[in-house]
Amino acid sequence: MGETRRLFLVDGYALIYRAFFAMLSRPLTTSRGENTSVPWGIVNFLLRLRGKHHPDFVAWVHDAGTSFRHTTYPEYKATR
């Protein structure tokens, strides 16, 4: 049997949300005042993932948008 390979799926929207709000009280900014907390948080997460788990593949995924659930039940994810 061949070597086992590891795939990690990253919930992109959840990571962006987490990176933004984790540093909301003290955001990282450039000299021009641009908030760089989200890119820093994403890169930091991916580097830690690579260092700890050594994945062969990493896939960045997002919700596909609206689906039949939104049509059938308009309140679906209404508060998210």
PDB file of N, CA and C in Angstrom:
ATOM      1  N   MET A   1       0.840  -1.181   0.000  1.00  0.00           N
ATOM      2  CA  MET A   1       0.000   0.000   0.000  1.00  0.00           C
ATOM      3  C   MET A   1       0.885   1.245   0.000  1.00  0.00           C
ATOM      4  N   GLY A   2       0.435   2.302  -0.646  1.00  0.00           N
ATOM      5  CA  GLY A   2       1.221   3.526  -0.777  1.00  0.00           C
ATOM      6  C   GLY A   2       1.267   4.356   0.494  1.00  0.00           C
ATOM      7  N   GLU A   3       2.049   5.379   0.418  1.00  0.00           N
ATOM      8  CA  GLU A   3       2.223   6.300   1.534  1.00  0.00           C
ATOM      9  C   GLU A   3       0.935   7.091   1.776  1.00  0.00           C
ATOM     10  N   THR A   4       0.592   7.281   3.036  1.00  0.00           N
ATOM     11  CA  THR A   4      -0.578   8.077   3.395  1.00  0.00           C
ATOM     12  C   THR A   4      -0.263   9.553   3.212  1.00  0.00           C
ATOM     13  N   ARG A   5      -1.167  10.253   2.539  1.00  0.00           N
ATOM     14  CA  ARG A   5      -0.985  11.683   2.307  1.00  0.00           C
ATOM     15  C   ARG A   5      -2.059  12.434   3.070  1.00  0.00           C
ATOM     16  N   ARG A   6      -1.711  13.652   3.493  1.00  0.00           N
ATOM     17  CA  ARG A   6      -2.618  14.419   4.335  1.00  0.00           C
ATOM     18  C   ARG A   6      -3.130  15.657   3.607  1.00  0.00           C
ATOM     19  N   LEU A   7      -4.450  15.817   3.643  1.00  0.00           N
ATOM     20  CA  LEU A   7      -5.119  16.978   3.076  1.00  0.00           C
ATOM     21  C   LEU A   7      -5.810  17.719   4.206  1.00  0.00           C
ATOM     22  N   PHE A   8      -5.581  19.008   4.301  1.00  0.00           N
ATOM     23  CA  PHE A   8      -6.276  19.846   5.271  1.00  0.00           C
ATOM     24  C   PHE A   8      -7.179  20.805   4.518  1.00  0.00           C
ATOM     25  N   LEU A   9      -8.438  20.892   4.949  1.00  0.00           N
ATOM     26  CA  LEU A   9      -9.380  21.856   4.392  1.00  0.00           C
ATOM     27  C   LEU A   9      -9.492  23.014   5.371  1.00  0.00           C
ATOM     28  N   VAL A  10      -9.276  24.217   4.886  1.00  0.00           N
ATOM     29  CA  VAL A  10      -9.339  25.410   5.728  1.00  0.00           C
ATOM     30  C   VAL A  10     -10.631  26.146   5.405  1.00  0.00           C
ATOM     31  N   ASP A  11     -11.459  26.370   6.417  1.00  0.00           N
ATOM     32  CA  ASP A  11     -12.681  27.158   6.258  1.00  0.00           C
ATOM     33  C   ASP A  11     -12.265  28.622   6.169  1.00  0.00           C
ATOM     34  N   GLY A  12     -12.128  29.113   4.950  1.00  0.00           N
ATOM     35  CA  GLY A  12     -11.578  30.442   4.708  1.00  0.00           C
ATOM     36  C   GLY A  12     -12.337  31.553   5.392  1.00  0.00           C
ATOM     37  N   TYR A  13     -13.663  31.544   5.278  1.00  0.00           N
ATOM     38  CA  TYR A  13     -14.438  32.626   5.878  1.00  0.00           C
ATOM     39  C   TYR A  13     -14.290  32.623   7.394  1.00  0.00           C
ATOM     40  N   ALA A  14     -14.315  31.456   8.003  1.00  0.00           N
ATOM     41  CA  ALA A  14     -14.171  31.369   9.460  1.00  0.00           C
ATOM     42  C   ALA A  14     -12.804  31.876   9.904  1.00  0.00           C
ATOM     43  N   LEU A  15     -11.768  31.579   9.138  1.00  0.00           N
ATOM     44  CA  LEU A  15     -10.425  32.036   9.496  1.00  0.00           C
ATOM     45  C   LEU A  15     -10.298  33.550   9.339  1.00  0.00           C
ATOM     46  N   ILE A  16     -10.866  34.101   8.277  1.00  0.00           N
ATOM     47  CA  ILE A  16     -10.860  35.559   8.098  1.00  0.00           C
ATOM     48  C   ILE A  16     -11.578  36.228   9.261  1.00  0.00           C
ATOM     49  N   TYR A  17     -12.737  35.728   9.614  1.00  0.00           N
ATOM     50  CA  TYR A  17     -13.532  36.266  10.721  1.00  0.00           C
ATOM     51  C   TYR A  17     -12.740  36.206  12.023  1.00  0.00           C
ATOM     52  N   ARG A  18     -12.154  35.055  12.276  1.00  0.00           N
ATOM     53  CA  ARG A  18     -11.373  34.858  13.504  1.00  0.00           C
ATOM     54  C   ARG A  18     -10.170  35.800  13.558  1.00  0.00           C
ATOM     55  N   ALA A  19      -9.456  35.915  12.450  1.00  0.00           N
ATOM     56  CA  ALA A  19      -8.268  36.774  12.417  1.00  0.00           C
ATOM     57  C   ALA A  19      -8.640  38.237  12.622  1.00  0.00           C
ATOM     58  N   PHE A  20      -9.746  38.664  12.053  1.00  0.00           N
ATOM     59  CA  PHE A  20     -10.165  40.057  12.196  1.00  0.00           C
ATOM     60  C   PHE A  20     -10.555  40.369  13.636  1.00  0.00           C
ATOM     61  N   PHE A  21     -11.425  39.556  14.215  1.00  0.00           N
ATOM     62  CA  PHE A  21     -11.949  39.861  15.540  1.00  0.00           C
ATOM     63  C   PHE A  21     -10.993  39.501  16.670  1.00  0.00           C
ATOM     64  N   ALA A  22     -10.052  38.616  16.441  1.00  0.00           N
ATOM     65  CA  ALA A  22      -9.091  38.258  17.489  1.00  0.00           C
ATOM     66  C   ALA A  22      -8.208  39.438  17.854  1.00  0.00           C
ATOM     67  N   MET A  23      -7.962  40.318  16.905  1.00  0.00           N
ATOM     68  CA  MET A  23      -7.049  41.434  17.147  1.00  0.00           C
ATOM     69  C   MET A  23      -7.765  42.778  17.025  1.00  0.00           C
ATOM     70  N   LEU A  24      -9.052  42.783  17.240  1.00  0.00           N
ATOM     71  CA  LEU A  24      -9.840  43.994  17.058  1.00  0.00           C
ATOM     72  C   LEU A  24      -9.434  45.105  18.018  1.00  0.00           C
ATOM     73  N   SER A  25      -9.109  44.757  19.253  1.00  0.00           N
ATOM     74  CA  SER A  25      -8.755  45.797  20.229  1.00  0.00           C
ATOM     75  C   SER A  25      -7.362  46.371  19.988  1.00  0.00           C
ATOM     76  N   ARG A  26      -6.460  45.588  19.404  1.00  0.00           N
ATOM     77  CA  ARG A  26      -5.097  46.063  19.100  1.00  0.00           C
ATOM     78  C   ARG A  26      -4.677  45.555  17.729  1.00  0.00           C
ATOM     79  N   PRO A  27      -5.244  46.102  16.666  1.00  0.00           N
ATOM     80  CA  PRO A  27      -4.936  45.592  15.326  1.00  0.00           C
ATOM     81  C   PRO A  27      -3.508  45.889  14.898  1.00  0.00           C
ATOM     82  N   LEU A  28      -2.987  45.022  14.049  1.00  0.00           N
ATOM     83  CA  LEU A  28      -1.693  45.268  13.421  1.00  0.00           C
ATOM     84  C   LEU A  28      -1.933  46.218  12.255  1.00  0.00           C
ATOM     85  N   THR A  29      -1.126  47.257  12.154  1.00  0.00           N
ATOM     86  CA  THR A  29      -1.321  48.231  11.083  1.00  0.00           C
ATOM     87  C   THR A  29       0.007  48.577  10.423  1.00  0.00           C
ATOM     88  N   THR A  30      -0.096  49.063   9.193  1.00  0.00           N
ATOM     89  CA  THR A  30       1.083  49.551   8.479  1.00  0.00           C
ATOM     90  C   THR A  30       1.384  50.967   8.956  1.00  0.00           C
ATOM     91  N   SER A  31       2.464  51.531   8.463  1.00  0.00           N
ATOM     92  CA  SER A  31       2.812  52.910   8.822  1.00  0.00           C
ATOM     93  C   SER A  31       1.756  53.901   8.327  1.00  0.00           C
ATOM     94  N   ARG A  32       0.954  53.493   7.334  1.00  0.00           N
ATOM     95  CA  ARG A  32      -0.127  54.349   6.829  1.00  0.00           C
ATOM     96  C   ARG A  32      -1.441  54.096   7.551  1.00  0.00           C
ATOM     97  N   GLY A  33      -1.428  53.211   8.546  1.00  0.00           N
ATOM     98  CA  GLY A  33      -2.629  52.933   9.320  1.00  0.00           C
ATOM     99  C   GLY A  33      -3.538  51.856   8.749  1.00  0.00           C
ATOM    100  N   GLU A  34      -3.086  51.142   7.726  1.00  0.00           N
ATOM    101  CA  GLU A  34      -3.895  50.081   7.128  1.00  0.00           C
ATOM    102  C   GLU A  34      -3.854  48.827   8.005  1.00  0.00           C
ATOM    103  N   ASN A  35      -5.020  48.287   8.285  1.00  0.00           N
ATOM    104  CA  ASN A  35      -5.123  47.108   9.133  1.00  0.00           C
ATOM    105  C   ASN A  35      -4.610  45.876   8.382  1.00  0.00           C
ATOM    106  N   THR A  36      -3.626  45.201   8.959  1.00  0.00           N
ATOM    107  CA  THR A  36      -3.058  43.987   8.358  1.00  0.00           C
ATOM    108  C   THR A  36      -3.271  42.758   9.243  1.00  0.00           C
ATOM    109  N   SER A  37      -4.210  42.849  10.164  1.00  0.00           N
ATOM    110  CA  SER A  37      -4.456  41.745  11.091  1.00  0.00           C
ATOM    111  C   SER A  37      -4.903  40.474  10.377  1.00  0.00           C
ATOM    112  N   VAL A  38      -5.769  40.613   9.378  1.00  0.00           N
ATOM    113  CA  VAL A  38      -6.282  39.424   8.688  1.00  0.00           C
ATOM    114  C   VAL A  38      -5.176  38.710   7.911  1.00  0.00           C
ATOM    115  N   PRO A  39      -4.417  39.399   7.050  1.00  0.00           N
ATOM    116  CA  PRO A  39      -3.332  38.678   6.364  1.00  0.00           C
ATOM    117  C   PRO A  39      -2.333  38.059   7.338  1.00  0.00           C
ATOM    118  N   TRP A  40      -1.992  38.787   8.393  1.00  0.00           N
ATOM    119  CA  TRP A  40      -1.054  38.258   9.385  1.00  0.00           C
ATOM    120  C   TRP A  40      -1.640  37.014  10.053  1.00  0.00           C
ATOM    121  N   GLY A  41      -2.912  37.073  10.431  1.00  0.00           N
ATOM    122  CA  GLY A  41      -3.551  35.934  11.085  1.00  0.00           C
ATOM    123  C   GLY A  41      -3.611  34.710  10.193  1.00  0.00           C
ATOM    124  N   ILE A  42      -3.894  34.920   8.911  1.00  0.00           N
ATOM    125  CA  ILE A  42      -3.970  33.805   7.963  1.00  0.00           C
ATOM    126  C   ILE A  42      -2.594  33.176   7.761  1.00  0.00           C
ATOM    127  N   VAL A  43      -1.599  33.991   7.514  1.00  0.00           N
ATOM    128  CA  VAL A  43      -0.240  33.469   7.307  1.00  0.00           C
ATOM    129  C   VAL A  43       0.247  32.757   8.560  1.00  0.00           C
ATOM    130  N   ASN A  44       0.007  33.342   9.722  1.00  0.00           N
ATOM    131  CA  ASN A  44       0.416  32.726  10.983  1.00  0.00           C
ATOM    132  C   ASN A  44      -0.250  31.358  11.157  1.00  0.00           C
ATOM    133  N   PHE A  45      -1.545  31.280  10.875  1.00  0.00           N
ATOM    134  CA  PHE A  45      -2.264  30.013  10.978  1.00  0.00           C
ATOM    135  C   PHE A  45      -1.669  28.966  10.036  1.00  0.00           C
ATOM    136  N   LEU A  46      -1.449  29.353   8.773  1.00  0.00           N
ATOM    137  CA  LEU A  46      -0.927  28.399   7.789  1.00  0.00           C
ATOM    138  C   LEU A  46       0.488  27.936   8.129  1.00  0.00           C
ATOM    139  N   LEU A  47       1.312  28.830   8.635  1.00  0.00           N
ATOM    140  CA  LEU A  47       2.667  28.431   9.042  1.00  0.00           C
ATOM    141  C   LEU A  47       2.629  27.470  10.224  1.00  0.00           C
ATOM    142  N   ARG A  48       1.748  27.740  11.189  1.00  0.00           N
ATOM    143  CA  ARG A  48       1.617  26.827  12.335  1.00  0.00           C
ATOM    144  C   ARG A  48       1.062  25.476  11.893  1.00  0.00           C
ATOM    145  N   LEU A  49       0.098  25.494  10.972  1.00  0.00           N
ATOM    146  CA  LEU A  49      -0.459  24.249  10.433  1.00  0.00           C
ATOM    147  C   LEU A  49       0.632  23.424   9.766  1.00  0.00           C
ATOM    148  N   ARG A  50       1.418  24.069   8.933  1.00  0.00           N
ATOM    149  CA  ARG A  50       2.505  23.374   8.230  1.00  0.00           C
ATOM    150  C   ARG A  50       3.549  22.852   9.209  1.00  0.00           C
ATOM    151  N   GLY A  51       3.918  23.657  10.192  1.00  0.00           N
ATOM    152  CA  GLY A  51       4.937  23.244  11.150  1.00  0.00           C
ATOM    153  C   GLY A  51       4.504  22.111  12.057  1.00  0.00           C
ATOM    154  N   LYS A  52       3.236  22.099  12.431  1.00  0.00           N
ATOM    155  CA  LYS A  52       2.753  21.092  13.372  1.00  0.00           C
ATOM    156  C   LYS A  52       2.296  19.800  12.685  1.00  0.00           C
ATOM    157  N   HIS A  53       1.617  19.913  11.546  1.00  0.00           N
ATOM    158  CA  HIS A  53       0.987  18.744  10.931  1.00  0.00           C
ATOM    159  C   HIS A  53       1.632  18.282   9.626  1.00  0.00           C
ATOM    160  N   HIS A  54       2.456  19.097   9.015  1.00  0.00           N
ATOM    161  CA  HIS A  54       3.159  18.746   7.774  1.00  0.00           C
ATOM    162  C   HIS A  54       2.215  18.192   6.698  1.00  0.00           C
ATOM    163  N   PRO A  55       1.183  18.959   6.326  1.00  0.00           N
ATOM    164  CA  PRO A  55       0.241  18.448   5.322  1.00  0.00           C
ATOM    165  C   PRO A  55       0.876  18.366   3.937  1.00  0.00           C
ATOM    166  N   ASP A  56       0.399  17.418   3.150  1.00  0.00           N
ATOM    167  CA  ASP A  56       0.820  17.323   1.755  1.00  0.00           C
ATOM    168  C   ASP A  56       0.046  18.323   0.899  1.00  0.00           C
ATOM    169  N   PHE A  57      -1.198  18.566   1.299  1.00  0.00           N
ATOM    170  CA  PHE A  57      -2.060  19.486   0.557  1.00  0.00           C
ATOM    171  C   PHE A  57      -2.873  20.319   1.535  1.00  0.00           C
ATOM    172  N   VAL A  58      -3.122  21.562   1.165  1.00  0.00           N
ATOM    173  CA  VAL A  58      -4.014  22.435   1.923  1.00  0.00           C
ATOM    174  C   VAL A  58      -4.970  23.060   0.914  1.00  0.00           C
ATOM    175  N   ALA A  59      -6.259  22.973   1.193  1.00  0.00           N
ATOM    176  CA  ALA A  59      -7.264  23.581   0.314  1.00  0.00           C
ATOM    177  C   ALA A  59      -8.016  24.644   1.099  1.00  0.00           C
ATOM    178  N   TRP A  60      -8.146  25.800   0.488  1.00  0.00           N
ATOM    179  CA  TRP A  60      -8.865  26.928   1.079  1.00  0.00           C
ATOM    180  C   TRP A  60     -10.282  26.893   0.517  1.00  0.00           C
ATOM    181  N   VAL A  61     -11.288  26.781   1.380  1.00  0.00           N
ATOM    182  CA  VAL A  61     -12.668  26.658   0.915  1.00  0.00           C
ATOM    183  C   VAL A  61     -13.540  27.752   1.518  1.00  0.00           C
ATOM    184  N   HIS A  62     -14.597  28.097   0.792  1.00  0.00           N
ATOM    185  CA  HIS A  62     -15.608  29.060   1.240  1.00  0.00           C
ATOM    186  C   HIS A  62     -16.980  28.441   1.032  1.00  0.00           C
ATOM    187  N   ASP A  63     -17.981  29.032   1.691  1.00  0.00           N
ATOM    188  CA  ASP A  63     -19.353  28.637   1.394  1.00  0.00           C
ATOM    189  C   ASP A  63     -19.633  28.957  -0.066  1.00  0.00           C
ATOM    190  N   ALA A  64     -20.451  28.150  -0.682  1.00  0.00           N
ATOM    191  CA  ALA A  64     -20.770  28.351  -2.095  1.00  0.00           C
ATOM    192  C   ALA A  64     -21.738  29.507  -2.312  1.00  0.00           C
ATOM    193  N   GLY A  65     -22.283  30.047  -1.256  1.00  0.00           N
ATOM    194  CA  GLY A  65     -23.279  31.108  -1.399  1.00  0.00           C
ATOM    195  C   GLY A  65     -24.655  30.548  -1.116  1.00  0.00           C
ATOM    196  N   THR A  66     -25.657  31.133  -1.729  1.00  0.00           N
ATOM    197  CA  THR A  66     -27.014  30.666  -1.470  1.00  0.00           C
ATOM    198  C   THR A  66     -27.228  29.285  -2.080  1.00  0.00           C
ATOM    199  N   SER A  67     -28.134  28.554  -1.467  1.00  0.00           N
ATOM    200  CA  SER A  67     -28.438  27.203  -1.926  1.00  0.00           C
ATOM    201  C   SER A  67     -29.938  26.973  -1.799  1.00  0.00           C
ATOM    202  N   PHE A  68     -30.355  25.756  -2.048  1.00  0.00           N
ATOM    203  CA  PHE A  68     -31.772  25.424  -1.919  1.00  0.00           C
ATOM    204  C   PHE A  68     -32.268  25.666  -0.499  1.00  0.00           C
ATOM    205  N   ARG A  69     -31.391  25.594   0.481  1.00  0.00           N
ATOM    206  CA  ARG A  69     -31.801  25.827   1.869  1.00  0.00           C
ATOM    207  C   ARG A  69     -32.299  27.263   2.060  1.00  0.00           C
ATOM    208  N   HIS A  70     -31.647  28.213   1.415  1.00  0.00           N
ATOM    209  CA  HIS A  70     -32.065  29.610   1.525  1.00  0.00           C
ATOM    210  C   HIS A  70     -33.429  29.832   0.868  1.00  0.00           C
ATOM    211  N   THR A  71     -33.688  29.138  -0.220  1.00  0.00           N
ATOM    212  CA  THR A  71     -34.971  29.261  -0.912  1.00  0.00           C
ATOM    213  C   THR A  71     -36.079  28.610  -0.097  1.00  0.00           C
ATOM    214  N   THR A  72     -35.795  27.425   0.441  1.00  0.00           N
ATOM    215  CA  THR A  72     -36.780  26.683   1.209  1.00  0.00           C
ATOM    216  C   THR A  72     -37.041  27.319   2.566  1.00  0.00           C
ATOM    217  N   TYR A  73     -35.995  27.805   3.195  1.00  0.00           N
ATOM    218  CA  TYR A  73     -36.089  28.353   4.548  1.00  0.00           C
ATOM    219  C   TYR A  73     -35.313  29.670   4.591  1.00  0.00           C
ATOM    220  N   PRO A  74     -35.975  30.803   4.313  1.00  0.00           N
ATOM    221  CA  PRO A  74     -35.286  32.099   4.219  1.00  0.00           C
ATOM    222  C   PRO A  74     -34.486  32.488   5.467  1.00  0.00           C
ATOM    223  N   GLU A  75     -34.863  31.963   6.629  1.00  0.00           N
ATOM    224  CA  GLU A  75     -34.143  32.295   7.861  1.00  0.00           C
ATOM    225  C   GLU A  75     -32.842  31.512   8.027  1.00  0.00           C
ATOM    226  N   TYR A  76     -32.549  30.612   7.079  1.00  0.00           N
ATOM    227  CA  TYR A  76     -31.334  29.801   7.163  1.00  0.00           C
ATOM    228  C   TYR A  76     -30.109  30.707   7.214  1.00  0.00           C
ATOM    229  N   LYS A  77     -29.317  30.569   8.254  1.00  0.00           N
ATOM    230  CA  LYS A  77     -28.114  31.376   8.485  1.00  0.00           C
ATOM    231  C   LYS A  77     -28.406  32.878   8.486  1.00  0.00           C
ATOM    232  N   ALA A  78     -29.605  33.258   8.872  1.00  0.00           N
ATOM    233  CA  ALA A  78     -29.984  34.675   8.850  1.00  0.00           C
ATOM    234  C   ALA A  78     -29.157  35.513   9.814  1.00  0.00           C
ATOM    235  N   THR A  79     -28.658  34.897  10.868  1.00  0.00           N
ATOM    236  CA  THR A  79     -27.885  35.667  11.855  1.00  0.00           C
ATOM    237  C   THR A  79     -26.387  35.521  11.667  1.00  0.00           C
ATOM    238  N   ARG A  80     -25.948  34.898  10.590  1.00  0.00           N
ATOM    239  CA  ARG A  80     -24.508  34.735  10.346  1.00  0.00           C
ATOM    240  C   ARG A  80     -24.065  35.540   9.163  1.00  0.00           C
TER     241      ARG A  80
END
